[in-house]
Protein backbone atom coordinates (compact mmCIF):
# COMPACT_ATOMS: atom_id res chain seq x y z
CA UNK A 1 83.00 101.29 84.94
CA UNK A 2 82.69 97.67 83.93
CA UNK A 3 80.57 95.23 85.90
CA UNK A 4 80.91 91.49 85.37
CA UNK A 5 78.34 89.26 87.06
CA UNK A 6 78.51 85.49 87.35
CA UNK A 7 76.56 83.04 89.44
CA UNK A 8 78.47 80.10 90.82
CA UNK A 9 76.91 76.62 91.22
CA UNK A 10 76.58 77.09 95.00
CA UNK A 11 74.21 80.06 94.48
CA UNK A 12 76.83 82.69 95.18
CA UNK A 13 76.78 85.68 92.84
CA UNK A 14 80.20 87.21 92.15
CA UNK A 15 80.13 90.82 90.98
CA UNK A 16 83.45 92.12 89.69
CA UNK A 17 83.65 95.89 89.44
CA UNK A 18 86.35 97.61 87.37
CA UNK A 19 86.92 101.36 87.50
CA UNK A 20 85.95 104.28 89.71
CA UNK A 21 82.57 104.47 91.40
CA UNK A 22 81.50 108.09 91.26
CA UNK A 23 78.45 110.22 90.51
CA UNK A 24 78.50 109.21 86.84
CA UNK A 25 78.99 105.45 87.36
CA UNK A 26 77.19 104.73 90.66
CA UNK A 27 73.66 104.80 89.10
CA UNK A 28 74.70 102.16 86.53
CA UNK A 29 76.27 100.02 89.25
CA UNK A 30 73.19 100.33 91.43
CA UNK A 31 70.84 99.48 88.54
CA UNK A 32 72.81 96.32 87.74
CA UNK A 33 73.62 95.11 91.25
CA UNK A 34 70.60 95.96 93.44
CA UNK A 35 68.24 93.58 91.58
CA UNK A 36 70.55 90.72 92.62
CA UNK A 37 69.73 91.37 96.30
CA UNK A 38 66.76 89.00 96.54
CA UNK A 39 65.69 86.89 99.52
CA UNK A 40 68.59 84.83 100.82
CA UNK A 41 71.04 86.06 98.19
CA UNK A 42 74.78 85.61 98.67
CA UNK A 43 76.76 88.30 96.90
CA UNK A 44 80.51 88.71 96.71
CA UNK A 45 81.42 92.19 95.49
CA UNK A 46 84.96 92.05 94.10
CA UNK A 47 86.33 95.60 94.29
CA UNK A 48 89.97 94.66 93.67
CA UNK A 49 89.99 96.81 90.53
CA UNK A 50 88.15 99.80 92.02
CA UNK A 51 90.75 102.45 92.88
CA UNK A 52 88.31 105.16 93.99
CA UNK A 53 84.76 105.67 95.18
CA UNK A 54 83.02 108.98 95.81
CA UNK A 55 80.15 109.61 98.21
CA UNK A 56 77.81 108.41 95.43
CA UNK A 57 79.63 105.08 95.47
CA UNK A 58 79.38 104.86 99.24
CA UNK A 59 75.64 105.50 99.03
CA UNK A 60 75.33 102.75 96.44
CA UNK A 61 77.18 100.32 98.73
CA UNK A 62 74.99 101.26 101.69
CA UNK A 63 71.83 100.79 99.58
CA UNK A 64 73.08 97.37 98.54
CA UNK A 65 73.83 96.45 102.15
CA UNK A 66 70.36 97.52 103.30
CA UNK A 67 68.65 95.63 100.47
CA UNK A 68 70.58 92.43 101.18
CA UNK A 69 70.22 92.73 104.95
CA UNK A 70 66.48 93.34 104.59
CA UNK A 71 66.19 90.20 102.47
CA UNK A 72 68.17 88.06 104.92
CA UNK A 73 71.07 87.71 102.49
CA UNK A 74 74.84 87.93 102.83
CA UNK A 75 77.26 90.41 101.30
CA UNK A 76 81.06 90.27 101.31
CA UNK A 77 83.31 93.00 99.92
CA UNK A 78 86.64 91.83 98.53
CA UNK A 79 89.82 93.74 97.76
CA UNK A 80 88.86 97.18 99.03
CA UNK A 81 91.73 99.61 98.55
CA UNK A 82 93.24 101.27 101.60
CA UNK A 83 91.90 104.65 100.48
CA UNK A 84 88.33 103.32 100.19
CA UNK A 85 88.64 101.55 103.55
CA UNK A 86 89.82 104.79 105.15
CA UNK A 87 86.88 106.71 103.70
CA UNK A 88 84.43 104.02 104.79
CA UNK A 89 85.94 104.00 108.27
CA UNK A 90 85.66 107.78 108.69
CA UNK A 91 82.03 107.75 107.54
CA UNK A 92 81.13 104.80 109.77
CA UNK A 93 80.20 102.58 106.81
CA UNK A 94 82.98 100.05 107.33
CA UNK A 95 81.27 98.45 110.33
CA UNK A 96 78.33 97.31 108.18
CA UNK A 97 80.37 95.18 105.80
CA UNK A 98 82.13 91.86 105.95
CA UNK A 99 85.46 92.33 104.16
CA UNK A 100 88.08 89.95 102.79
CA UNK A 101 91.35 90.33 100.94
CA UNK A 102 90.75 87.55 98.39
CA UNK A 103 87.83 86.15 96.40
CA UNK A 104 88.54 82.67 97.78
CA UNK A 105 88.31 83.80 101.41
CA UNK A 106 85.10 85.70 100.62
CA UNK A 107 83.59 82.61 99.01
CA UNK A 108 84.44 80.56 102.11
CA UNK A 109 82.50 83.03 104.27
CA UNK A 110 79.48 82.97 101.98
CA UNK A 111 79.45 79.16 101.74
CA UNK A 112 79.80 78.72 105.50
């Protein structure tokens, strides 16, 4: 799993994730991403290159959502594969997240 983090001038943090999120990679992802969820943070999680997530990955996403929501921030997930969307839908997680197909549309939501 590779995680690339960049902060844009408008205070939006873009986190690009590459690879599967599973029991072996979710702790690394959580350790790198959760600290970004500070008061009023705006985070765009680009999952375009994430083909699979296990239950450990879903827990990491839910932890991130709770941290951001508790700090009055915003989170947008971008490019979620159909398989991940299906899994999130069945588990009831999908309803918690704002989702977009492209980074540009996600940025528009966070800037608005």
